C-alpha atoms as a PDB file:
ATOM      1  CA  MET A   1     -38.687 -58.820 -41.132  1.00  0.00           C
ATOM      2  CA  ILE A   2     -42.099 -57.146 -41.092  1.00  0.00           C
ATOM      3  CA  ASN A   3     -41.397 -55.826 -37.593  1.00  0.00           C
ATOM      4  CA  GLY A   4     -38.062 -54.467 -38.805  1.00  0.00           C
ATOM      5  CA  ILE A   5     -39.746 -52.676 -41.700  1.00  0.00           C
ATOM      6  CA  THR A   6     -42.427 -51.267 -39.405  1.00  0.00           C
ATOM      7  CA  ALA A   7     -39.795 -50.122 -36.901  1.00  0.00           C
ATOM      8  CA  GLN A   8     -37.733 -48.488 -39.651  1.00  0.00           C
ATOM      9  CA  LYS A   9     -40.813 -46.706 -40.971  1.00  0.00           C
ATOM     10  CA  GLU A  10     -41.647 -45.491 -37.455  1.00  0.00           C
ATOM     11  CA  ILE A  11     -38.098 -44.097 -37.051  1.00  0.00           C
ATOM     12  CA  GLU A  12     -38.373 -42.275 -40.401  1.00  0.00           C
ATOM     13  CA  ASN A  13     -41.764 -40.869 -39.390  1.00  0.00           C
ATOM     14  CA  ARG A  14     -40.369 -39.550 -36.083  1.00  0.00           C
ATOM     15  CA  LYS A  15     -37.479 -37.839 -37.897  1.00  0.00           C
ATOM     16  CA  THR A  16     -39.951 -36.196 -40.275  1.00  0.00           C
ATOM     17  CA  GLU A  17     -42.194 -35.108 -37.383  1.00  0.00           C
ATOM     18  CA  LYS A  18     -39.230 -33.452 -35.648  1.00  0.00           C
ATOM     19  CA  LYS A  19     -38.385 -31.536 -38.839  1.00  0.00           C
ATOM     20  CA  ASN A  20     -41.962 -30.436 -39.458  1.00  0.00           C
ATOM     21  CA  PRO A  21     -44.681 -31.044 -36.845  1.00  0.00           C
ATOM     22  CA  ASN A  22     -47.308 -30.087 -39.456  1.00  0.00           C
ATOM     23  CA  ILE A  23     -46.546 -33.342 -41.270  1.00  0.00           C
ATOM     24  CA  ALA A  24     -47.417 -35.418 -38.192  1.00  0.00           C
ATOM     25  CA  LEU A  25     -50.731 -33.589 -37.900  1.00  0.00           C
ATOM     26  CA  LEU A  26     -51.368 -34.023 -41.633  1.00  0.00           C
ATOM     27  CA  ASP A  27     -50.665 -37.766 -41.342  1.00  0.00           C
ATOM     28  CA  THR A  28     -53.202 -38.096 -38.510  1.00  0.00           C
ATOM     29  CA  GLU A  29     -55.913 -36.096 -40.260  1.00  0.00           C
ATOM     30  CA  PHE A  30     -55.326 -37.899 -43.523  1.00  0.00           C
ATOM     31  CA  ARG A  31     -55.724 -41.297 -41.836  1.00  0.00           C
ATOM     32  CA  LYS A  32     -59.154 -40.178 -40.590  1.00  0.00           C
ATOM     33  CA  PHE A  33     -60.080 -38.935 -44.056  1.00  0.00           C
ATOM     34  CA  LEU A  34     -58.957 -42.214 -45.655  1.00  0.00           C
ATOM     35  CA  LYS A  35     -60.950 -44.276 -43.166  1.00  0.00           C
ATOM     36  CA  ASN A  36     -64.096 -42.409 -44.213  1.00  0.00           C
ATOM     37  CA  THR A  37     -63.162 -42.795 -47.885  1.00  0.00           C
ATOM     38  CA  GLU A  38     -62.518 -46.486 -47.289  1.00  0.00           C
ATOM     39  CA  LYS A  39     -66.007 -47.003 -45.847  1.00  0.00           C
ATOM     40  CA  GLU A  40     -67.764 -45.019 -48.586  1.00  0.00           C
ATOM     41  CA  ASN A  41     -65.963 -46.753 -51.463  1.00  0.00           C
ATOM     42  CA  HIS A  42     -65.787 -50.229 -49.915  1.00  0.00           C
ATOM     43  CA  ILE A  43     -62.010 -50.374 -50.259  1.00  0.00           C
ATOM     44  CA  LEU A  44     -59.396 -51.444 -47.792  1.00  0.00           C
ATOM     45  CA  PHE A  45     -55.941 -50.051 -47.399  1.00  0.00           C
ATOM     46  CA  SER A  46     -53.664 -52.446 -45.640  1.00  0.00           C
ATOM     47  CA  GLU A  47     -51.571 -50.040 -43.590  1.00  0.00           C
ATOM     48  CA  SER A  48     -53.329 -48.487 -40.599  1.00  0.00           C
ATOM     49  CA  GLN A  49     -50.381 -46.144 -40.055  1.00  0.00           C
ATOM     50  CA  ILE A  50     -50.280 -44.825 -43.623  1.00  0.00           C
ATOM     51  CA  THR A  51     -48.581 -41.460 -43.926  1.00  0.00           C
ATOM     52  CA  PHE A  52     -49.365 -38.669 -46.340  1.00  0.00           C
ATOM     53  CA  THR A  53     -46.171 -39.528 -48.237  1.00  0.00           C
ATOM     54  CA  ASP A  54     -47.355 -43.168 -48.495  1.00  0.00           C
ATOM     55  CA  PHE A  55     -50.673 -41.877 -49.801  1.00  0.00           C
ATOM     56  CA  LEU A  56     -48.933 -39.866 -52.523  1.00  0.00           C
ATOM     57  CA  SER A  57     -47.385 -43.068 -53.883  1.00  0.00           C
ATOM     58  CA  ASN A  58     -50.710 -44.961 -54.021  1.00  0.00           C
ATOM     59  CA  LYS A  59     -52.542 -43.874 -57.176  1.00  0.00           C
ATOM     60  CA  LEU A  60     -55.725 -45.794 -56.309  1.00  0.00           C
ATOM     61  CA  LEU A  61     -56.083 -43.997 -52.972  1.00  0.00           C
ATOM     62  CA  ILE A  62     -55.425 -40.711 -54.749  1.00  0.00           C
ATOM     63  CA  VAL A  63     -58.259 -41.418 -57.191  1.00  0.00           C
ATOM     64  CA  PHE A  64     -60.689 -42.177 -54.353  1.00  0.00           C
ATOM     65  CA  ALA A  65     -59.607 -39.067 -52.426  1.00  0.00           C
ATOM     66  CA  ILE A  66     -60.081 -36.881 -55.509  1.00  0.00           C
ATOM     67  CA  LYS A  67     -63.558 -38.282 -56.095  1.00  0.00           C
ATOM     68  CA  LYS A  68     -64.524 -37.621 -52.480  1.00  0.00           C
ATOM     69  CA  GLY A  69     -62.976 -34.153 -52.433  1.00  0.00           C
ATOM     70  CA  ILE A  70     -60.254 -32.876 -50.120  1.00  0.00           C
ATOM     71  CA  PRO A  71     -61.790 -31.097 -47.106  1.00  0.00           C
ATOM     72  CA  TYR A  72     -60.520 -27.614 -46.305  1.00  0.00           C
ATOM     73  CA  SER A  73     -59.108 -28.865 -42.984  1.00  0.00           C
ATOM     74  CA  ILE A  74     -56.715 -31.151 -44.856  1.00  0.00           C
ATOM     75  CA  PHE A  75     -56.003 -28.532 -47.533  1.00  0.00           C
ATOM     76  CA  SER A  76     -54.980 -26.154 -44.746  1.00  0.00           C
ATOM     77  CA  LEU A  77     -52.480 -28.701 -43.413  1.00  0.00           C
ATOM     78  CA  ILE A  78     -51.139 -29.345 -46.916  1.00  0.00           C
ATOM     79  CA  GLN A  79     -50.839 -25.595 -47.440  1.00  0.00           C
ATOM     80  CA  ASN A  80     -48.730 -25.368 -44.263  1.00  0.00           C
ATOM     81  CA  ILE A  81     -46.119 -27.803 -45.618  1.00  0.00           C
ATOM     82  CA  THR A  82     -45.832 -26.257 -49.081  1.00  0.00           C
ATOM     83  CA  PRO A  83     -43.884 -23.182 -50.148  1.00  0.00           C
ATOM     84  CA  PHE A  84     -47.037 -21.663 -51.693  1.00  0.00           C
ATOM     85  CA  THR A  85     -48.864 -18.611 -50.374  1.00  0.00           C
ATOM     86  CA  ILE A  86     -52.648 -18.364 -50.222  1.00  0.00           C
ATOM     87  CA  ASN A  87     -52.512 -16.196 -53.359  1.00  0.00           C
ATOM     88  CA  ASP A  88     -50.427 -18.865 -55.132  1.00  0.00           C
ATOM     89  CA  TRP A  89     -53.035 -21.466 -54.181  1.00  0.00           C
ATOM     90  CA  ALA A  90     -55.899 -19.298 -55.391  1.00  0.00           C
ATOM     91  CA  GLU A  91     -54.125 -18.860 -58.722  1.00  0.00           C
ATOM     92  CA  TYR A  92     -53.262 -22.562 -59.115  1.00  0.00           C
ATOM     93  CA  LEU A  93     -56.796 -23.646 -58.164  1.00  0.00           C
ATOM     94  CA  ASP A  94     -58.273 -20.945 -60.402  1.00  0.00           C
ATOM     95  CA  ILE A  95     -60.530 -19.644 -57.645  1.00  0.00           C
ATOM     96  CA  SER A  96     -60.568 -16.340 -55.803  1.00  0.00           C
ATOM     97  CA  SER A  97     -59.020 -15.765 -52.394  1.00  0.00           C
ATOM     98  CA  LYS A  98     -62.540 -14.969 -51.157  1.00  0.00           C
ATOM     99  CA  SER A  99     -63.698 -18.418 -52.284  1.00  0.00           C
ATOM    100  CA  LEU A 100     -60.840 -19.985 -50.334  1.00  0.00           C
ATOM    101  CA  ILE A 101     -61.981 -18.045 -47.270  1.00  0.00           C
ATOM    102  CA  ARG A 102     -65.542 -19.359 -47.763  1.00  0.00           C
ATOM    103  CA  TYR A 103     -64.178 -22.910 -48.003  1.00  0.00           C
ATOM    104  CA  ARG A 104     -62.352 -22.318 -44.718  1.00  0.00           C
ATOM    105  CA  LEU A 105     -65.336 -20.823 -42.903  1.00  0.00           C
ATOM    106  CA  GLN A 106     -67.636 -23.650 -44.005  1.00  0.00           C
ATOM    107  CA  ASP A 107     -64.931 -26.367 -43.877  1.00  0.00           C
ATOM    108  CA  LYS A 108     -66.168 -27.422 -47.293  1.00  0.00           C
ATOM    109  CA  SER A 109     -64.637 -30.152 -49.402  1.00  0.00           C
ATOM    110  CA  PHE A 110     -63.086 -29.079 -52.659  1.00  0.00           C
ATOM    111  CA  LYS A 111     -64.507 -30.219 -55.981  1.00  0.00           C
ATOM    112  CA  PRO A 112     -62.633 -33.103 -57.623  1.00  0.00           C
ATOM    113  CA  ILE A 113     -60.922 -30.769 -60.117  1.00  0.00           C
ATOM    114  CA  HIS A 114     -59.511 -28.689 -57.246  1.00  0.00           C
ATOM    115  CA  SER A 115     -58.717 -31.752 -55.125  1.00  0.00           C
ATOM    116  CA  GLU A 116     -56.639 -33.162 -57.952  1.00  0.00           C
ATOM    117  CA  LYS A 117     -54.648 -29.922 -58.211  1.00  0.00           C
ATOM    118  CA  ILE A 118     -54.104 -29.838 -54.433  1.00  0.00           C
ATOM    119  CA  ILE A 119     -52.693 -33.366 -54.537  1.00  0.00           C
ATOM    120  CA  GLU A 120     -50.542 -32.576 -57.588  1.00  0.00           C
ATOM    121  CA  LEU A 121     -48.978 -29.600 -55.810  1.00  0.00           C
ATOM    122  CA  ALA A 122     -48.456 -31.724 -52.696  1.00  0.00           C
ATOM    123  CA  GLU A 123     -46.647 -34.303 -54.854  1.00  0.00           C
ATOM    124  CA  VAL A 124     -44.395 -31.633 -56.336  1.00  0.00           C
ATOM    125  CA  THR A 125     -43.680 -30.231 -52.867  1.00  0.00           C
ATOM    126  CA  ASN A 126     -42.940 -33.675 -51.452  1.00  0.00           C
ATOM    127  CA  LEU A 127     -40.332 -34.336 -54.146  1.00  0.00           C
ATOM    128  CA  GLY A 128     -38.994 -30.770 -54.111  1.00  0.00           C
ATOM    129  CA  VAL A 129     -38.364 -30.798 -50.373  1.00  0.00           C
ATOM    130  CA  GLU A 130     -36.791 -34.245 -50.672  1.00  0.00           C
ATOM    131  CA  VAL A 131     -34.416 -32.962 -53.367  1.00  0.00           C
ATOM    132  CA  PHE A 132     -33.581 -29.547 -51.862  1.00  0.00           C
ATOM    133  CA  GLY A 133     -33.916 -30.324 -48.144  1.00  0.00           C
ATOM    134  CA  ASP A 134     -36.405 -27.616 -47.144  1.00  0.00           C
ATOM    135  CA  ASN A 135     -39.209 -25.371 -48.401  1.00  0.00           C
ATOM    136  CA  GLN A 136     -37.053 -22.248 -48.583  1.00  0.00           C
ATOM    137  CA  LYS A 137     -34.500 -23.764 -50.970  1.00  0.00           C
ATOM    138  CA  PHE A 138     -37.280 -25.415 -52.969  1.00  0.00           C
ATOM    139  CA  ARG A 139     -39.155 -22.115 -53.302  1.00  0.00           C
ATOM    140  CA  GLN A 140     -35.962 -20.398 -54.439  1.00  0.00           C
ATOM    141  CA  TRP A 141     -35.600 -23.048 -57.169  1.00  0.00           C
ATOM    142  CA  LEU A 142     -39.261 -22.563 -58.161  1.00  0.00           C
ATOM    143  CA  GLU A 143     -38.721 -18.796 -58.545  1.00  0.00           C
ATOM    144  CA  THR A 144     -35.557 -19.097 -60.667  1.00  0.00           C
ATOM    145  CA  PRO A 145     -35.781 -19.344 -64.483  1.00  0.00           C
ATOM    146  CA  ASN A 146     -34.644 -22.809 -65.499  1.00  0.00           C
ATOM    147  CA  TYR A 147     -32.792 -23.538 -68.748  1.00  0.00           C
ATOM    148  CA  ALA A 148     -34.120 -27.123 -68.897  1.00  0.00           C
ATOM    149  CA  LEU A 149     -37.668 -25.752 -68.653  1.00  0.00           C
ATOM    150  CA  GLY A 150     -37.364 -23.296 -71.526  1.00  0.00           C
ATOM    151  CA  ASN A 151     -36.001 -20.539 -69.259  1.00  0.00           C
ATOM    152  CA  LEU A 152     -39.364 -20.412 -67.499  1.00  0.00           C
ATOM    153  CA  LYS A 153     -39.765 -20.266 -63.765  1.00  0.00           C
ATOM    154  CA  PRO A 154     -41.014 -23.623 -62.464  1.00  0.00           C
ATOM    155  CA  PHE A 155     -43.676 -21.644 -60.535  1.00  0.00           C
ATOM    156  CA  ASP A 156     -45.220 -20.618 -63.855  1.00  0.00           C
ATOM    157  CA  LEU A 157     -45.433 -24.221 -65.055  1.00  0.00           C
ATOM    158  CA  LEU A 158     -47.428 -25.413 -62.042  1.00  0.00           C
ATOM    159  CA  ARG A 159     -50.673 -24.069 -63.475  1.00  0.00           C
ATOM    160  CA  ASP A 160     -51.346 -27.215 -65.494  1.00  0.00           C
ATOM    161  CA  SER A 161     -50.635 -30.930 -65.214  1.00  0.00           C
ATOM    162  CA  TYR A 162     -48.212 -30.990 -68.169  1.00  0.00           C
ATOM    163  CA  GLY A 163     -46.097 -28.342 -66.470  1.00  0.00           C
ATOM    164  CA  LYS A 164     -46.278 -30.296 -63.225  1.00  0.00           C
ATOM    165  CA  ASP A 165     -45.008 -33.382 -65.067  1.00  0.00           C
ATOM    166  CA  MET A 166     -42.114 -31.340 -66.489  1.00  0.00           C
ATOM    167  CA  ILE A 167     -41.216 -30.124 -62.991  1.00  0.00           C
ATOM    168  CA  ILE A 168     -41.405 -33.649 -61.536  1.00  0.00           C
ATOM    169  CA  GLY A 169     -39.119 -34.816 -64.355  1.00  0.00           C
ATOM    170  CA  GLU A 170     -36.617 -32.047 -63.726  1.00  0.00           C
ATOM    171  CA  LEU A 171     -36.634 -32.622 -59.948  1.00  0.00           C
ATOM    172  CA  THR A 172     -36.045 -36.329 -60.551  1.00  0.00           C
ATOM    173  CA  ARG A 173     -33.091 -35.547 -62.839  1.00  0.00           C
ATOM    174  CA  ILE A 174     -31.628 -33.179 -60.236  1.00  0.00           C
ATOM    175  CA  ASP A 175     -32.091 -35.856 -57.567  1.00  0.00           C
ATOM    176  CA  HIS A 176     -30.140 -38.301 -59.763  1.00  0.00           C
ATOM    177  CA  GLY A 177     -27.403 -35.745 -60.457  1.00  0.00           C
ATOM    178  CA  ILE A 178     -28.376 -35.092 -64.079  1.00  0.00           C
ATOM    179  CA  LEU A 179     -28.221 -31.334 -64.610  1.00  0.00           C
ATOM    180  CA  ALA A 180     -29.127 -29.558 -67.832  1.00  0.00           C
END
Protein backbone atom coordinates (compact mmCIF):
# COMPACT_ATOMS: atom_id res chain seq x y z
CA MET A 1 0.00 0.00 0.00
CA ILE A 2 2.85 2.42 0.69
CA ASN A 3 4.02 2.06 -2.91
CA GLY A 4 0.49 2.78 -4.10
CA ILE A 5 0.32 5.93 -1.98
CA THR A 6 3.74 7.05 -3.21
CA ALA A 7 2.76 6.37 -6.83
CA GLN A 8 -0.51 8.28 -6.41
CA LYS A 9 1.34 11.21 -4.87
CA GLU A 10 3.83 11.18 -7.76
CA ILE A 11 0.96 11.26 -10.29
CA GLU A 12 -0.64 14.22 -8.47
CA ASN A 13 2.71 16.03 -8.40
CA ARG A 14 3.19 15.54 -12.16
CA LYS A 15 -0.30 16.93 -12.86
CA THR A 16 0.49 19.97 -10.73
CA GLU A 17 3.86 20.46 -12.45
CA LYS A 18 2.17 20.43 -15.87
CA LYS A 19 -0.30 23.10 -14.71
CA ASN A 20 2.37 25.30 -13.16
CA PRO A 21 6.07 24.54 -13.67
CA ASN A 22 6.90 27.11 -10.96
CA ILE A 23 5.46 24.72 -8.38
CA ALA A 24 7.90 21.96 -9.37
CA LEU A 25 10.79 24.39 -8.98
CA LEU A 26 9.40 25.61 -5.65
CA ASP A 27 9.13 22.00 -4.42
CA THR A 28 12.78 21.34 -5.31
CA GLU A 29 14.08 24.53 -3.71
CA PHE A 30 11.96 24.02 -0.63
CA ARG A 31 13.34 20.49 -0.14
CA LYS A 32 16.86 21.97 -0.10
CA PHE A 33 15.78 24.64 2.37
CA LEU A 34 14.14 22.04 4.63
CA LYS A 35 17.23 19.84 4.59
CA ASN A 36 19.27 22.76 5.90
CA THR A 37 16.58 23.55 8.47
CA GLU A 38 16.51 19.89 9.47
CA LYS A 39 20.26 19.87 10.16
CA GLU A 40 20.23 23.15 12.09
CA ASN A 41 17.27 22.21 14.31
CA HIS A 42 18.09 18.51 14.68
CA ILE A 43 14.70 17.45 13.34
CA LEU A 44 13.81 14.84 10.80
CA PHE A 45 11.02 14.95 8.31
CA SER A 46 10.11 11.53 7.08
CA GLU A 47 9.29 12.29 3.46
CA SER A 48 12.27 13.01 1.23
CA GLN A 49 9.94 14.04 -1.59
CA ILE A 50 7.93 16.53 0.46
CA THR A 51 6.17 19.14 -1.64
CA PHE A 52 5.45 22.74 -0.76
CA THR A 53 1.78 21.80 -0.32
CA ASP A 54 2.82 19.03 2.11
CA PHE A 55 4.90 21.59 3.97
CA LEU A 56 1.91 23.91 4.33
CA SER A 57 0.02 21.17 6.19
CA ASN A 58 2.87 20.48 8.66
CA LYS A 59 2.73 23.15 11.37
CA LEU A 60 5.98 22.03 13.02
CA LEU A 61 7.95 22.44 9.78
CA ILE A 62 6.31 25.83 9.30
CA VAL A 63 7.48 26.93 12.76
CA PHE A 64 11.06 25.86 12.02
CA ALA A 65 11.01 27.57 8.61
CA ILE A 66 9.70 30.80 10.15
CA LYS A 67 12.42 30.76 12.80
CA LYS A 68 15.10 30.24 10.15
CA GLY A 69 13.65 32.85 7.80
CA ILE A 70 12.48 32.33 4.23
CA PRO A 71 15.28 33.19 1.77
CA TYR A 72 14.46 35.60 -1.04
CA SER A 73 15.05 32.84 -3.61
CA ILE A 74 12.14 30.86 -2.17
CA PHE A 75 10.02 33.99 -1.67
CA SER A 76 10.49 34.74 -5.37
CA LEU A 77 9.18 31.29 -6.30
CA ILE A 78 6.23 31.67 -3.92
CA GLN A 79 5.53 35.09 -5.41
CA ASN A 80 5.39 33.50 -8.88
CA ILE A 81 2.57 31.13 -7.86
CA THR A 82 0.44 33.73 -6.07
CA PRO A 83 -1.91 36.30 -7.56
CA PHE A 84 -0.11 39.11 -5.70
CA THR A 85 2.00 41.81 -7.33
CA ILE A 86 5.29 43.03 -5.88
CA ASN A 87 3.44 46.10 -4.57
CA ASP A 88 0.85 43.83 -2.88
CA TRP A 89 3.69 41.91 -1.23
CA ALA A 90 5.40 45.08 -0.06
CA GLU A 91 2.13 46.24 1.49
CA TYR A 92 1.36 42.88 3.15
CA LEU A 93 4.91 42.55 4.50
CA ASP A 94 4.88 46.20 5.59
CA ILE A 95 8.18 46.93 3.88
CA SER A 96 9.02 49.16 0.94
CA SER A 97 9.46 47.93 -2.62
CA LYS A 98 13.07 49.15 -2.38
CA SER A 99 13.62 46.87 0.61
CA LEU A 100 12.28 43.94 -1.40
CA ILE A 101 14.76 44.81 -4.15
CA ARG A 102 17.60 44.84 -1.58
CA TYR A 103 16.47 41.41 -0.33
CA ARG A 104 16.61 40.18 -3.93
CA LEU A 105 20.03 41.64 -4.69
CA GLN A 106 21.54 40.21 -1.50
CA ASP A 107 19.43 37.01 -1.52
CA LYS A 108 18.74 37.72 2.13
CA SER A 109 16.46 35.69 4.34
CA PHE A 110 13.39 37.44 5.64
CA LYS A 111 12.92 38.09 9.34
CA PRO A 112 10.60 35.65 11.12
CA ILE A 113 7.73 38.17 11.17
CA HIS A 114 7.93 38.52 7.37
CA SER A 115 8.51 34.79 6.84
CA GLU A 116 5.32 34.04 8.74
CA LYS A 117 3.35 36.44 6.53
CA ILE A 118 4.85 34.92 3.37
CA ILE A 119 3.76 31.46 4.48
CA GLU A 120 0.30 32.71 5.48
CA LEU A 121 -0.24 34.22 2.04
CA ALA A 122 1.04 31.02 0.43
CA GLU A 123 -1.51 29.06 2.48
CA VAL A 124 -4.33 31.34 1.36
CA THR A 125 -3.19 31.06 -2.26
CA ASN A 126 -2.92 27.28 -2.05
CA LEU A 127 -6.52 26.99 -0.84
CA GLY A 128 -7.80 29.74 -3.14
CA VAL A 129 -6.38 28.12 -6.26
CA GLU A 130 -7.72 24.76 -5.11
CA VAL A 131 -11.21 26.24 -4.71
CA PHE A 132 -11.29 28.45 -7.83
CA GLY A 133 -9.03 26.45 -10.15
CA ASP A 134 -6.51 29.15 -11.09
CA ASN A 135 -4.88 32.39 -9.94
CA GLN A 136 -6.95 34.61 -12.22
CA LYS A 137 -10.31 33.47 -10.82
CA PHE A 138 -8.91 33.55 -7.28
CA ARG A 139 -7.64 37.11 -7.75
CA GLN A 140 -11.03 38.16 -9.10
CA TRP A 141 -12.64 36.76 -5.94
CA LEU A 142 -10.07 38.59 -3.78
CA GLU A 143 -10.90 41.91 -5.50
CA THR A 144 -14.69 41.56 -5.14
CA PRO A 145 -16.48 42.85 -2.01
CA ASN A 146 -17.82 39.87 -0.11
CA TYR A 147 -21.06 39.94 1.89
CA ALA A 148 -19.84 37.21 4.28
CA LEU A 149 -16.76 39.32 5.02
CA GLY A 150 -18.63 42.49 5.92
CA ASN A 151 -18.73 43.68 2.29
CA LEU A 152 -14.95 44.06 2.38
CA LYS A 153 -12.67 42.89 -0.36
CA PRO A 154 -10.77 39.78 0.78
CA PHE A 155 -7.59 41.54 -0.45
CA ASP A 156 -8.06 44.14 2.29
CA LEU A 157 -8.34 41.48 4.99
CA LEU A 158 -5.01 39.84 4.14
CA ARG A 159 -3.06 42.48 6.04
CA ASP A 160 -3.39 40.66 9.36
CA SER A 161 -3.68 37.08 10.57
CA TYR A 162 -7.29 37.47 11.78
CA GLY A 163 -8.32 38.57 8.30
CA LYS A 164 -6.38 35.67 6.83
CA ASP A 165 -8.29 33.29 9.12
CA MET A 166 -11.59 34.82 7.96
CA ILE A 167 -10.58 34.31 4.32
CA ILE A 168 -9.50 30.70 4.95
CA GLY A 169 -12.86 30.10 6.64
CA GLU A 170 -14.79 31.60 3.75
CA LEU A 171 -12.78 29.67 1.14
CA THR A 172 -13.42 26.46 3.08
CA ARG A 173 -17.17 27.19 3.15
CA ILE A 174 -17.16 27.88 -0.59
CA ASP A 175 -15.25 24.64 -1.17
CA HIS A 176 -17.95 22.77 0.79
CA GLY A 177 -20.76 24.52 -1.09
CA ILE A 178 -21.85 26.74 1.80
CA LEU A 179 -22.43 30.21 0.37
CA ALA A 180 -23.43 33.26 2.39
